[in-house]
Amino acid sequence: MSRTDALSPEQLREELEENTQNQAVGDTLLFENDKVKVWHICLQPGERIHYHRHNYDYFWTVLQDGQGVSNQEDGSQVSFTFKKGQTSFQNIIEQGSSIHDLKNTGTGILEFITTELK
């Protein structure tokens, strides 16, 4: 689920609380078996994907250059500049889990493939 409406800090906190168990980390689940889940994420300028929880180690690969901002579970905010082909591994097992959202703050489409390792 993605949305473009601006949310107040209180609305963000409410959405976070409503989605603490939401494991839909992308727009479309492309593939799943007993080892992996592969997700596609495509955000238009100004669009954001809701808060979601990562329970598995995962990696993402950027399909188009872009910029984004992610609100974290602890209330902090992280800004990103993404480059086509950029890939990053996230070690979630050590942390226990991770909850965040992602907003496209750039002028073009922000697109990823995210692979969760079960």
PDB file of N, CA and C in Angstrom:
ATOM      1  N   MET A   1       0.847  -1.177   0.000  1.00  0.00           N
ATOM      2  CA  MET A   1       0.000   0.000   0.000  1.00  0.00           C
ATOM      3  C   MET A   1       0.890   1.237   0.000  1.00  0.00           C
ATOM      4  N   SER A   2       0.608   2.129  -0.910  1.00  0.00           N
ATOM      5  CA  SER A   2       1.363   3.376  -0.941  1.00  0.00           C
ATOM      6  C   SER A   2       0.390   4.540  -0.923  1.00  0.00           C
ATOM      7  N   ARG A   3       0.905   5.682  -0.526  1.00  0.00           N
ATOM      8  CA  ARG A   3       0.043   6.853  -0.389  1.00  0.00           C
ATOM      9  C   ARG A   3       0.859   8.104  -0.630  1.00  0.00           C
ATOM     10  N   THR A   4       0.176   9.187  -0.964  1.00  0.00           N
ATOM     11  CA  THR A   4       0.865  10.446  -1.230  1.00  0.00           C
ATOM     12  C   THR A   4       0.489  11.543  -0.246  1.00  0.00           C
ATOM     13  N   ASP A   5      -0.542  11.325   0.579  1.00  0.00           N
ATOM     14  CA  ASP A   5      -0.958  12.376   1.507  1.00  0.00           C
ATOM     15  C   ASP A   5       0.077  12.555   2.616  1.00  0.00           C
ATOM     16  N   ALA A   6       0.281  13.805   3.008  1.00  0.00           N
ATOM     17  CA  ALA A   6       1.231  14.114   4.081  1.00  0.00           C
ATOM     18  C   ALA A   6       0.623  13.714   5.422  1.00  0.00           C
ATOM     19  N   LEU A   7       1.434  13.125   6.271  1.00  0.00           N
ATOM     20  CA  LEU A   7       0.964  12.700   7.585  1.00  0.00           C
ATOM     21  C   LEU A   7       1.651  13.512   8.677  1.00  0.00           C
ATOM     22  N   SER A   8       0.891  13.852   9.694  1.00  0.00           N
ATOM     23  CA  SER A   8       1.455  14.542  10.856  1.00  0.00           C
ATOM     24  C   SER A   8       2.283  13.538  11.659  1.00  0.00           C
ATOM     25  N   PRO A   9       3.125  14.024  12.571  1.00  0.00           N
ATOM     26  CA  PRO A   9       3.863  13.088  13.437  1.00  0.00           C
ATOM     27  C   PRO A   9       2.934  12.134  14.197  1.00  0.00           C
ATOM     28  N   GLU A  10       1.784  12.621  14.627  1.00  0.00           N
ATOM     29  CA  GLU A  10       0.831  11.769  15.341  1.00  0.00           C
ATOM     30  C   GLU A  10       0.269  10.694  14.419  1.00  0.00           C
ATOM     31  N   GLN A  11      -0.052  11.070  13.175  1.00  0.00           N
ATOM     32  CA  GLN A  11      -0.570  10.097  12.215  1.00  0.00           C
ATOM     33  C   GLN A  11       0.491   9.055  11.858  1.00  0.00           C
ATOM     34  N   LEU A  12       1.747   9.491  11.740  1.00  0.00           N
ATOM     35  CA  LEU A  12       2.832   8.539  11.486  1.00  0.00           C
ATOM     36  C   LEU A  12       2.945   7.542  12.632  1.00  0.00           C
ATOM     37  N   ARG A  13       2.864   8.032  13.874  1.00  0.00           N
ATOM     38  CA  ARG A  13       2.944   7.154  15.047  1.00  0.00           C
ATOM     39  C   ARG A  13       1.784   6.165  15.048  1.00  0.00           C
ATOM     40  N   GLU A  14       0.569   6.625  14.721  1.00  0.00           N
ATOM     41  CA  GLU A  14      -0.594   5.734  14.659  1.00  0.00           C
ATOM     42  C   GLU A  14      -0.394   4.668  13.589  1.00  0.00           C
ATOM     43  N   GLU A  15       0.094   5.085  12.411  1.00  0.00           N
ATOM     44  CA  GLU A  15       0.330   4.121  11.337  1.00  0.00           C
ATOM     45  C   GLU A  15       1.381   3.099  11.754  1.00  0.00           C
ATOM     46  N   LEU A  16       2.433   3.564  12.414  1.00  0.00           N
ATOM     47  CA  LEU A  16       3.467   2.657  12.906  1.00  0.00           C
ATOM     48  C   LEU A  16       2.853   1.618  13.841  1.00  0.00           C
ATOM     49  N   GLU A  17       2.052   2.065  14.792  1.00  0.00           N
ATOM     50  CA  GLU A  17       1.432   1.149  15.754  1.00  0.00           C
ATOM     51  C   GLU A  17       0.505   0.152  15.071  1.00  0.00           C
ATOM     52  N   GLU A  18      -0.196   0.584  14.018  1.00  0.00           N
ATOM     53  CA  GLU A  18      -1.107  -0.297  13.286  1.00  0.00           C
ATOM     54  C   GLU A  18      -0.366  -1.327  12.442  1.00  0.00           C
ATOM     55  N   ASN A  19       0.893  -1.054  12.110  1.00  0.00           N
ATOM     56  CA  ASN A  19       1.626  -1.911  11.178  1.00  0.00           C
ATOM     57  C   ASN A  19       2.818  -2.627  11.800  1.00  0.00           C
ATOM     58  N   THR A  20       2.834  -2.780  13.119  1.00  0.00           N
ATOM     59  CA  THR A  20       3.991  -3.418  13.761  1.00  0.00           C
ATOM     60  C   THR A  20       4.182  -4.872  13.326  1.00  0.00           C
ATOM     61  N   GLN A  21       3.139  -5.514  12.846  1.00  0.00           N
ATOM     62  CA  GLN A  21       3.256  -6.905  12.389  1.00  0.00           C
ATOM     63  C   GLN A  21       3.135  -7.035  10.873  1.00  0.00           C
ATOM     64  N   ASN A  22       3.039  -5.924  10.163  1.00  0.00           N
ATOM     65  CA  ASN A  22       2.890  -5.945   8.709  1.00  0.00           C
ATOM     66  C   ASN A  22       4.203  -6.363   8.054  1.00  0.00           C
ATOM     67  N   GLN A  23       4.217  -7.510   7.409  1.00  0.00           N
ATOM     68  CA  GLN A  23       5.423  -8.007   6.764  1.00  0.00           C
ATOM     69  C   GLN A  23       5.385  -7.854   5.247  1.00  0.00           C
ATOM     70  N   ALA A  24       4.452  -7.060   4.725  1.00  0.00           N
ATOM     71  CA  ALA A  24       4.410  -6.767   3.286  1.00  0.00           C
ATOM     72  C   ALA A  24       5.409  -5.655   3.015  1.00  0.00           C
ATOM     73  N   VAL A  25       6.631  -6.029   2.678  1.00  0.00           N
ATOM     74  CA  VAL A  25       7.710  -5.046   2.566  1.00  0.00           C
ATOM     75  C   VAL A  25       7.792  -4.407   1.187  1.00  0.00           C
ATOM     76  N   GLY A  26       6.884  -4.766   0.290  1.00  0.00           N
ATOM     77  CA  GLY A  26       6.873  -4.172  -1.039  1.00  0.00           C
ATOM     78  C   GLY A  26       5.465  -4.051  -1.570  1.00  0.00           C
ATOM     79  N   ASP A  27       5.365  -3.508  -2.784  1.00  0.00           N
ATOM     80  CA  ASP A  27       4.063  -3.378  -3.440  1.00  0.00           C
ATOM     81  C   ASP A  27       3.557  -4.721  -3.948  1.00  0.00           C
ATOM     82  N   THR A  28       4.472  -5.503  -4.521  1.00  0.00           N
ATOM     83  CA  THR A  28       4.100  -6.756  -5.170  1.00  0.00           C
ATOM     84  C   THR A  28       5.053  -7.862  -4.741  1.00  0.00           C
ATOM     85  N   LEU A  29       4.503  -8.965  -4.265  1.00  0.00           N
ATOM     86  CA  LEU A  29       5.310 -10.143  -3.968  1.00  0.00           C
ATOM     87  C   LEU A  29       5.501 -10.901  -5.278  1.00  0.00           C
ATOM     88  N   LEU A  30       6.735 -10.910  -5.785  1.00  0.00           N
ATOM     89  CA  LEU A  30       7.024 -11.529  -7.075  1.00  0.00           C
ATOM     90  C   LEU A  30       7.245 -13.027  -6.973  1.00  0.00           C
ATOM     91  N   PHE A  31       7.815 -13.464  -5.848  1.00  0.00           N
ATOM     92  CA  PHE A  31       8.171 -14.879  -5.706  1.00  0.00           C
ATOM     93  C   PHE A  31       8.350 -15.192  -4.231  1.00  0.00           C
ATOM     94  N   GLU A  32       7.943 -16.404  -3.844  1.00  0.00           N
ATOM     95  CA  GLU A  32       8.189 -16.868  -2.484  1.00  0.00           C
ATOM     96  C   GLU A  32       8.344 -18.376  -2.488  1.00  0.00           C
ATOM     97  N   ASN A  33       9.329 -18.849  -1.737  1.00  0.00           N
ATOM     98  CA  ASN A  33       9.454 -20.270  -1.442  1.00  0.00           C
ATOM     99  C   ASN A  33       9.931 -20.404   0.000  1.00  0.00           C
ATOM    100  N   ASP A  34      10.426 -21.568   0.374  1.00  0.00           N
ATOM    101  CA  ASP A  34      10.839 -21.757   1.765  1.00  0.00           C
ATOM    102  C   ASP A  34      12.152 -21.060   2.104  1.00  0.00           C
ATOM    103  N   LYS A  35      12.839 -20.486   1.121  1.00  0.00           N
ATOM    104  CA  LYS A  35      14.133 -19.823   1.340  1.00  0.00           C
ATOM    105  C   LYS A  35      14.078 -18.301   1.219  1.00  0.00           C
ATOM    106  N   VAL A  36      13.250 -17.779   0.303  1.00  0.00           N
ATOM    107  CA  VAL A  36      13.252 -16.341   0.015  1.00  0.00           C
ATOM    108  C   VAL A  36      11.850 -15.808  -0.257  1.00  0.00           C
ATOM    109  N   LYS A  37      11.726 -14.483  -0.119  1.00  0.00           N
ATOM    110  CA  LYS A  37      10.593 -13.704  -0.628  1.00  0.00           C
ATOM    111  C   LYS A  37      11.202 -12.602  -1.480  1.00  0.00           C
ATOM    112  N   VAL A  38      10.687 -12.418  -2.689  1.00  0.00           N
ATOM    113  CA  VAL A  38      11.191 -11.382  -3.590  1.00  0.00           C
ATOM    114  C   VAL A  38      10.064 -10.380  -3.839  1.00  0.00           C
ATOM    115  N   TRP A  39      10.349  -9.116  -3.520  1.00  0.00           N
ATOM    116  CA  TRP A  39       9.356  -8.039  -3.608  1.00  0.00           C
ATOM    117  C   TRP A  39       9.766  -6.997  -4.645  1.00  0.00           C
ATOM    118  N   HIS A  40       8.780  -6.384  -5.265  1.00  0.00           N
ATOM    119  CA  HIS A  40       8.987  -5.225  -6.137  1.00  0.00           C
ATOM    120  C   HIS A  40       8.399  -4.017  -5.418  1.00  0.00           C
ATOM    121  N   ILE A  41       9.128  -2.912  -5.443  1.00  0.00           N
ATOM    122  CA  ILE A  41       8.667  -1.649  -4.857  1.00  0.00           C
ATOM    123  C   ILE A  41       8.814  -0.572  -5.919  1.00  0.00           C
ATOM    124  N   CYS A  42       7.742   0.136  -6.203  1.00  0.00           N
ATOM    125  CA  CYS A  42       7.770   1.217  -7.191  1.00  0.00           C
ATOM    126  C   CYS A  42       6.979   2.393  -6.631  1.00  0.00           C
ATOM    127  N   LEU A  43       7.688   3.498  -6.375  1.00  0.00           N
ATOM    128  CA  LEU A  43       7.068   4.686  -5.794  1.00  0.00           C
ATOM    129  C   LEU A  43       7.198   5.871  -6.737  1.00  0.00           C
ATOM    130  N   GLN A  44       6.082   6.484  -7.048  1.00  0.00           N
ATOM    131  CA  GLN A  44       6.073   7.707  -7.841  1.00  0.00           C
ATOM    132  C   GLN A  44       6.581   8.862  -6.967  1.00  0.00           C
ATOM    133  N   PRO A  45       6.988   9.982  -7.564  1.00  0.00           N
ATOM    134  CA  PRO A  45       7.423  11.129  -6.758  1.00  0.00           C
ATOM    135  C   PRO A  45       6.356  11.514  -5.723  1.00  0.00           C
ATOM    136  N   GLY A  46       6.782  11.677  -4.478  1.00  0.00           N
ATOM    137  CA  GLY A  46       5.869  12.042  -3.396  1.00  0.00           C
ATOM    138  C   GLY A  46       5.141  10.874  -2.762  1.00  0.00           C
ATOM    139  N   GLU A  47       5.218   9.709  -3.356  1.00  0.00           N
ATOM    140  CA  GLU A  47       4.515   8.538  -2.840  1.00  0.00           C
ATOM    141  C   GLU A  47       5.376   7.829  -1.792  1.00  0.00           C
ATOM    142  N   ARG A  48       4.698   7.186  -0.841  1.00  0.00           N
ATOM    143  CA  ARG A  48       5.433   6.443   0.179  1.00  0.00           C
ATOM    144  C   ARG A  48       4.783   5.092   0.417  1.00  0.00           C
ATOM    145  N   ILE A  49       5.619   4.162   0.825  1.00  0.00           N
ATOM    146  CA  ILE A  49       5.111   2.855   1.222  1.00  0.00           C
ATOM    147  C   ILE A  49       4.955   2.873   2.739  1.00  0.00           C
ATOM    148  N   HIS A  50       3.860   2.306   3.203  1.00  0.00           N
ATOM    149  CA  HIS A  50       3.507   2.274   4.621  1.00  0.00           C
ATOM    150  C   HIS A  50       4.611   1.649   5.476  1.00  0.00           C
ATOM    151  N   TYR A  51       4.496   1.831   6.761  1.00  0.00           N
ATOM    152  CA  TYR A  51       5.389   1.147   7.692  1.00  0.00           C
ATOM    153  C   TYR A  51       5.240  -0.354   7.503  1.00  0.00           C
ATOM    154  N   HIS A  52       6.350  -1.040   7.580  1.00  0.00           N
ATOM    155  CA  HIS A  52       6.361  -2.494   7.474  1.00  0.00           C
ATOM    156  C   HIS A  52       7.514  -3.044   8.303  1.00  0.00           C
ATOM    157  N   ARG A  53       7.399  -4.311   8.631  1.00  0.00           N
ATOM    158  CA  ARG A  53       8.370  -4.969   9.516  1.00  0.00           C
ATOM    159  C   ARG A  53       9.209  -5.960   8.720  1.00  0.00           C
ATOM    160  N   HIS A  54      10.511  -5.878   8.923  1.00  0.00           N
ATOM    161  CA  HIS A  54      11.437  -6.875   8.384  1.00  0.00           C
ATOM    162  C   HIS A  54      11.819  -7.813   9.523  1.00  0.00           C
ATOM    163  N   ASN A  55      11.532  -9.092   9.356  1.00  0.00           N
ATOM    164  CA  ASN A  55      11.933 -10.105  10.332  1.00  0.00           C
ATOM    165  C   ASN A  55      13.089 -10.957   9.831  1.00  0.00           C
ATOM    166  N   TYR A  56      13.440 -10.787   8.566  1.00  0.00           N
ATOM    167  CA  TYR A  56      14.486 -11.590   7.940  1.00  0.00           C
ATOM    168  C   TYR A  56      15.598 -10.684   7.425  1.00  0.00           C
ATOM    169  N   ASP A  57      16.816 -11.227   7.374  1.00  0.00           N
ATOM    170  CA  ASP A  57      17.873 -10.536   6.646  1.00  0.00           C
ATOM    171  C   ASP A  57      17.378 -10.321   5.222  1.00  0.00           C
ATOM    172  N   TYR A  58      17.793  -9.213   4.613  1.00  0.00           N
ATOM    173  CA  TYR A  58      17.349  -8.940   3.249  1.00  0.00           C
ATOM    174  C   TYR A  58      18.365  -8.076   2.528  1.00  0.00           C
ATOM    175  N   PHE A  59      18.215  -8.037   1.216  1.00  0.00           N
ATOM    176  CA  PHE A  59      18.993  -7.090   0.421  1.00  0.00           C
ATOM    177  C   PHE A  59      18.081  -6.475  -0.618  1.00  0.00           C
ATOM    178  N   TRP A  60      18.426  -5.251  -0.993  1.00  0.00           N
ATOM    179  CA  TRP A  60      17.668  -4.557  -2.032  1.00  0.00           C
ATOM    180  C   TRP A  60      18.616  -4.089  -3.119  1.00  0.00           C
ATOM    181  N   THR A  61      18.058  -3.987  -4.331  1.00  0.00           N
ATOM    182  CA  THR A  61      18.787  -3.464  -5.480  1.00  0.00           C
ATOM    183  C   THR A  61      17.937  -2.373  -6.109  1.00  0.00           C
ATOM    184  N   VAL A  62      18.558  -1.224  -6.349  1.00  0.00           N
ATOM    185  CA  VAL A  62      17.877  -0.070  -6.931  1.00  0.00           C
ATOM    186  C   VAL A  62      17.816  -0.241  -8.452  1.00  0.00           C
ATOM    187  N   LEU A  63      16.631  -0.039  -9.029  1.00  0.00           N
ATOM    188  CA  LEU A  63      16.453  -0.163 -10.472  1.00  0.00           C
ATOM    189  C   LEU A  63      16.553   1.171 -11.199  1.00  0.00           C
ATOM    190  N   GLN A  64      16.384   2.286 -10.478  1.00  0.00           N
ATOM    191  CA  GLN A  64      16.485   3.625 -11.065  1.00  0.00           C
ATOM    192  C   GLN A  64      17.051   4.581 -10.015  1.00  0.00           C
ATOM    193  N   ASP A  65      17.837   5.549 -10.456  1.00  0.00           N
ATOM    194  CA  ASP A  65      18.346   6.571  -9.536  1.00  0.00           C
ATOM    195  C   ASP A  65      17.175   7.245  -8.823  1.00  0.00           C
ATOM    196  N   GLY A  66      17.394   7.669  -7.596  1.00  0.00           N
ATOM    197  CA  GLY A  66      16.328   8.360  -6.886  1.00  0.00           C
ATOM    198  C   GLY A  66      16.752   8.820  -5.509  1.00  0.00           C
ATOM    199  N   GLN A  67      15.798   9.424  -4.826  1.00  0.00           N
ATOM    200  CA  GLN A  67      16.013   9.913  -3.467  1.00  0.00           C
ATOM    201  C   GLN A  67      14.834   9.497  -2.605  1.00  0.00           C
ATOM    202  N   GLY A  68      15.115   9.291  -1.326  1.00  0.00           N
ATOM    203  CA  GLY A  68      14.049   8.892  -0.427  1.00  0.00           C
ATOM    204  C   GLY A  68      14.340   9.266   1.008  1.00  0.00           C
ATOM    205  N   VAL A  69      13.286   9.210   1.806  1.00  0.00           N
ATOM    206  CA  VAL A  69      13.372   9.428   3.247  1.00  0.00           C
ATOM    207  C   VAL A  69      12.626   8.284   3.910  1.00  0.00           C
ATOM    208  N   SER A  70      13.235   7.741   4.968  1.00  0.00           N
ATOM    209  CA  SER A  70      12.640   6.632   5.700  1.00  0.00           C
ATOM    210  C   SER A  70      12.478   7.015   7.165  1.00  0.00           C
ATOM    211  N   ASN A  71      11.252   6.881   7.665  1.00  0.00           N
ATOM    212  CA  ASN A  71      10.974   7.067   9.088  1.00  0.00           C
ATOM    213  C   ASN A  71      11.196   5.733   9.784  1.00  0.00           C
ATOM    214  N   GLN A  72      11.988   5.754  10.848  1.00  0.00           N
ATOM    215  CA  GLN A  72      12.338   4.541  11.574  1.00  0.00           C
ATOM    216  C   GLN A  72      11.438   4.354  12.794  1.00  0.00           C
ATOM    217  N   GLU A  73      11.430   3.141  13.307  1.00  0.00           N
ATOM    218  CA  GLU A  73      10.606   2.789  14.467  1.00  0.00           C
ATOM    219  C   GLU A  73      10.904   3.666  15.680  1.00  0.00           C
ATOM    220  N   ASP A  74      12.157   4.092  15.837  1.00  0.00           N
ATOM    221  CA  ASP A  74      12.542   4.900  17.000  1.00  0.00           C
ATOM    222  C   ASP A  74      12.234   6.389  16.834  1.00  0.00           C
ATOM    223  N   GLY A  75      11.598   6.760  15.710  1.00  0.00           N
ATOM    224  CA  GLY A  75      11.247   8.153  15.462  1.00  0.00           C
ATOM    225  C   GLY A  75      12.272   8.918  14.652  1.00  0.00           C
ATOM    226  N   SER A  76      13.428   8.329  14.422  1.00  0.00           N
ATOM    227  CA  SER A  76      14.448   8.997  13.611  1.00  0.00           C
ATOM    228  C   SER A  76      14.075   8.923  12.128  1.00  0.00           C
ATOM    229  N   GLN A  77      14.725   9.759  11.347  1.00  0.00           N
ATOM    230  CA  GLN A  77      14.475   9.822   9.911  1.00  0.00           C
ATOM    231  C   GLN A  77      15.816   9.733   9.192  1.00  0.00           C
ATOM    232  N   VAL A  78      15.865   8.911   8.138  1.00  0.00           N
ATOM    233  CA  VAL A  78      17.090   8.710   7.375  1.00  0.00           C
ATOM    234  C   VAL A  78      16.830   9.111   5.930  1.00  0.00           C
ATOM    235  N   SER A  79      17.717   9.943   5.362  1.00  0.00           N
ATOM    236  CA  SER A  79      17.617  10.353   3.956  1.00  0.00           C
ATOM    237  C   SER A  79      18.583   9.526   3.121  1.00  0.00           C
ATOM    238  N   PHE A  80      18.166   9.206   1.905  1.00  0.00           N
ATOM    239  CA  PHE A  80      18.968   8.384   1.007  1.00  0.00           C
ATOM    240  C   PHE A  80      19.063   9.019  -0.369  1.00  0.00           C
ATOM    241  N   THR A  81      20.198   8.824  -1.020  1.00  0.00           N
ATOM    242  CA  THR A  81      20.351   9.050  -2.451  1.00  0.00           C
ATOM    243  C   THR A  81      20.708   7.696  -3.043  1.00  0.00           C
ATOM    244  N   PHE A  82      19.879   7.214  -3.953  1.00  0.00           N
ATOM    245  CA  PHE A  82      20.045   5.888  -4.529  1.00  0.00           C
ATOM    246  C   PHE A  82      20.584   5.992  -5.950  1.00  0.00           C
ATOM    247  N   LYS A  83      21.447   5.067  -6.317  1.00  0.00           N
ATOM    248  CA  LYS A  83      21.997   4.982  -7.668  1.00  0.00           C
ATOM    249  C   LYS A  83      21.575   3.658  -8.295  1.00  0.00           C
ATOM    250  N   LYS A  84      21.206   3.704  -9.561  1.00  0.00           N
ATOM    251  CA  LYS A  84      20.816   2.497 -10.287  1.00  0.00           C
ATOM    252  C   LYS A  84      21.886   1.428 -10.113  1.00  0.00           C
ATOM    253  N   GLY A  85      21.463   0.225  -9.752  1.00  0.00           N
ATOM    254  CA  GLY A  85      22.377  -0.887  -9.543  1.00  0.00           C
ATOM    255  C   GLY A  85      22.905  -1.003  -8.123  1.00  0.00           C
ATOM    256  N   GLN A  86      22.716   0.039  -7.315  1.00  0.00           N
ATOM    257  CA  GLN A  86      23.167   0.003  -5.919  1.00  0.00           C
ATOM    258  C   GLN A  86      22.456  -1.136  -5.190  1.00  0.00           C
ATOM    259  N   THR A  87      23.208  -1.882  -4.420  1.00  0.00           N
ATOM    260  CA  THR A  87      22.666  -2.997  -3.650  1.00  0.00           C
ATOM    261  C   THR A  87      23.160  -2.884  -2.214  1.00  0.00           C
ATOM    262  N   SER A  88      22.282  -3.190  -1.272  1.00  0.00           N
ATOM    263  CA  SER A  88      22.648  -3.112   0.140  1.00  0.00           C
ATOM    264  C   SER A  88      22.063  -4.304   0.888  1.00  0.00           C
ATOM    265  N   PHE A  89      22.866  -4.907   1.748  1.00  0.00           N
ATOM    266  CA  PHE A  89      22.437  -6.020   2.595  1.00  0.00           C
ATOM    267  C   PHE A  89      22.106  -5.485   3.982  1.00  0.00           C
ATOM    268  N   GLN A  90      20.991  -5.930   4.529  1.00  0.00           N
ATOM    269  CA  GLN A  90      20.554  -5.510   5.861  1.00  0.00           C
ATOM    270  C   GLN A  90      20.508  -6.734   6.774  1.00  0.00           C
ATOM    271  N   ASN A  91      21.319  -6.728   7.820  1.00  0.00           N
ATOM    272  CA  ASN A  91      21.397  -7.851   8.751  1.00  0.00           C
ATOM    273  C   ASN A  91      20.369  -7.653   9.864  1.00  0.00           C
ATOM    274  N   ILE A  92      19.186  -8.181   9.660  1.00  0.00           N
ATOM    275  CA  ILE A  92      18.071  -7.990  10.588  1.00  0.00           C
ATOM    276  C   ILE A  92      18.125  -8.982  11.743  1.00  0.00           C
ATOM    277  N   ILE A  93      18.606 -10.188  11.482  1.00  0.00           N
ATOM    278  CA  ILE A  93      18.623 -11.230  12.508  1.00  0.00           C
ATOM    279  C   ILE A  93      19.347 -10.746  13.766  1.00  0.00           C
ATOM    280  N   GLU A  94      20.448 -10.016  13.606  1.00  0.00           N
ATOM    281  CA  GLU A  94      21.189  -9.497  14.762  1.00  0.00           C
ATOM    282  C   GLU A  94      20.368  -8.473  15.551  1.00  0.00           C
ATOM    283  N   GLN A  95      19.516  -7.700  14.849  1.00  0.00           N
ATOM    284  CA  GLN A  95      18.722  -6.651  15.494  1.00  0.00           C
ATOM    285  C   GLN A  95      17.412  -7.176  16.066  1.00  0.00           C
ATOM    286  N   GLY A  96      16.925  -8.286  15.566  1.00  0.00           N
ATOM    287  CA  GLY A  96      15.641  -8.834  15.984  1.00  0.00           C
ATOM    288  C   GLY A  96      14.538  -8.523  14.995  1.00  0.00           C
ATOM    289  N   SER A  97      14.454  -7.290  14.526  1.00  0.00           N
ATOM    290  CA  SER A  97      13.512  -6.881  13.484  1.00  0.00           C
ATOM    291  C   SER A  97      13.777  -5.416  13.167  1.00  0.00           C
ATOM    292  N   SER A  98      13.116  -4.938  12.137  1.00  0.00           N
ATOM    293  CA  SER A  98      13.231  -3.532  11.744  1.00  0.00           C
ATOM    294  C   SER A  98      11.894  -3.079  11.190  1.00  0.00           C
ATOM    295  N   ILE A  99      11.421  -1.922  11.651  1.00  0.00           N
ATOM    296  CA  ILE A  99      10.174  -1.347  11.143  1.00  0.00           C
ATOM    297  C   ILE A  99      10.480   0.041  10.603  1.00  0.00           C
ATOM    298  N   HIS A 100      10.021   0.310   9.380  1.00  0.00           N
ATOM    299  CA  HIS A 100      10.239   1.623   8.766  1.00  0.00           C
ATOM    300  C   HIS A 100       9.273   1.814   7.609  1.00  0.00           C
ATOM    301  N   ASP A 101       9.210   3.029   7.094  1.00  0.00           N
ATOM    302  CA  ASP A 101       8.480   3.327   5.871  1.00  0.00           C
ATOM    303  C   ASP A 101       9.491   3.847   4.864  1.00  0.00           C
ATOM    304  N   LEU A 102       9.038   4.268   3.695  1.00  0.00           N
ATOM    305  CA  LEU A 102       9.926   4.878   2.706  1.00  0.00           C
ATOM    306  C   LEU A 102       9.107   5.800   1.819  1.00  0.00           C
ATOM    307  N   LYS A 103       9.583   7.039   1.672  1.00  0.00           N
ATOM    308  CA  LYS A 103       8.928   8.018   0.803  1.00  0.00           C
ATOM    309  C   LYS A 103       9.884   8.413  -0.307  1.00  0.00           C
ATOM    310  N   ASN A 104       9.350   8.497  -1.520  1.00  0.00           N
ATOM    311  CA  ASN A 104      10.118   8.973  -2.664  1.00  0.00           C
ATOM    312  C   ASN A 104      10.127  10.499  -2.617  1.00  0.00           C
ATOM    313  N   THR A 105      11.292  11.078  -2.351  1.00  0.00           N
ATOM    314  CA  THR A 105      11.425  12.535  -2.291  1.00  0.00           C
ATOM    315  C   THR A 105      12.068  13.098  -3.552  1.00  0.00           C
ATOM    316  N   GLY A 106      12.301  12.237  -4.530  1.00  0.00           N
ATOM    317  CA  GLY A 106      12.917  12.675  -5.779  1.00  0.00           C
ATOM    318  C   GLY A 106      11.892  13.099  -6.813  1.00  0.00           C
ATOM    319  N   THR A 107      12.380  13.349  -8.027  1.00  0.00           N
ATOM    320  CA  THR A 107      11.520  13.808  -9.125  1.00  0.00           C
ATOM    321  C   THR A 107      11.164  12.693 -10.099  1.00  0.00           C
ATOM    322  N   GLY A 108      11.759  11.525  -9.930  1.00  0.00           N
ATOM    323  CA  GLY A 108      11.470  10.385 -10.802  1.00  0.00           C
ATOM    324  C   GLY A 108      10.971   9.201  -9.991  1.00  0.00           C
ATOM    325  N   ILE A 109      10.679   8.125 -10.688  1.00  0.00           N
ATOM    326  CA  ILE A 109      10.213   6.901 -10.043  1.00  0.00           C
ATOM    327  C   ILE A 109      11.340   6.307  -9.203  1.00  0.00           C
ATOM    328  N   LEU A 110      11.005   5.836  -8.009  1.00  0.00           N
ATOM    329  CA  LEU A 110      11.940   5.136  -7.134  1.00  0.00           C
ATOM    330  C   LEU A 110      11.537   3.664  -7.160  1.00  0.00           C
ATOM    331  N   GLU A 111      12.449   2.814  -7.621  1.00  0.00           N
ATOM    332  CA  GLU A 111      12.090   1.415  -7.854  1.00  0.00           C
ATOM    333  C   GLU A 111      13.183   0.480  -7.334  1.00  0.00           C
ATOM    334  N   PHE A 112      12.748  -0.581  -6.656  1.00  0.00           N
ATOM    335  CA  PHE A 112      13.646  -1.560  -6.038  1.00  0.00           C
ATOM    336  C   PHE A 112      13.154  -2.975  -6.274  1.00  0.00           C
ATOM    337  N   ILE A 113      14.068  -3.903  -6.147  1.00  0.00           N
ATOM    338  CA  ILE A 113      13.754  -5.303  -5.889  1.00  0.00           C
ATOM    339  C   ILE A 113      14.340  -5.595  -4.511  1.00  0.00           C
ATOM    340  N   THR A 114      13.525  -6.111  -3.613  1.00  0.00           N
ATOM    341  CA  THR A 114      13.967  -6.470  -2.266  1.00  0.00           C
ATOM    342  C   THR A 114      13.801  -7.971  -2.092  1.00  0.00           C
ATOM    343  N   THR A 115      14.854  -8.624  -1.635  1.00  0.00           N
ATOM    344  CA  THR A 115      14.833 -10.069  -1.420  1.00  0.00           C
ATOM    345  C   THR A 115      15.072 -10.363   0.053  1.00  0.00           C
ATOM    346  N   GLU A 116      14.080 -10.990   0.683  1.00  0.00           N
ATOM    347  CA  GLU A 116      14.205 -11.406   2.081  1.00  0.00           C
ATOM    348  C   GLU A 116      14.703 -12.846   2.124  1.00  0.00           C
ATOM    349  N   LEU A 117      15.655 -13.110   3.012  1.00  0.00           N
ATOM    350  CA  LEU A 117      16.238 -14.439   3.173  1.00  0.00           C
ATOM    351  C   LEU A 117      15.633 -15.086   4.408  1.00  0.00           C
ATOM    352  N   LYS A 118      14.803 -16.087   4.208  1.00  0.00           N
ATOM    353  CA  LYS A 118      14.101 -16.737   5.329  1.00  0.00           C
ATOM    354  C   LYS A 118      15.043 -17.592   6.157  1.00  0.00           C
TER     355      LYS A 118
END
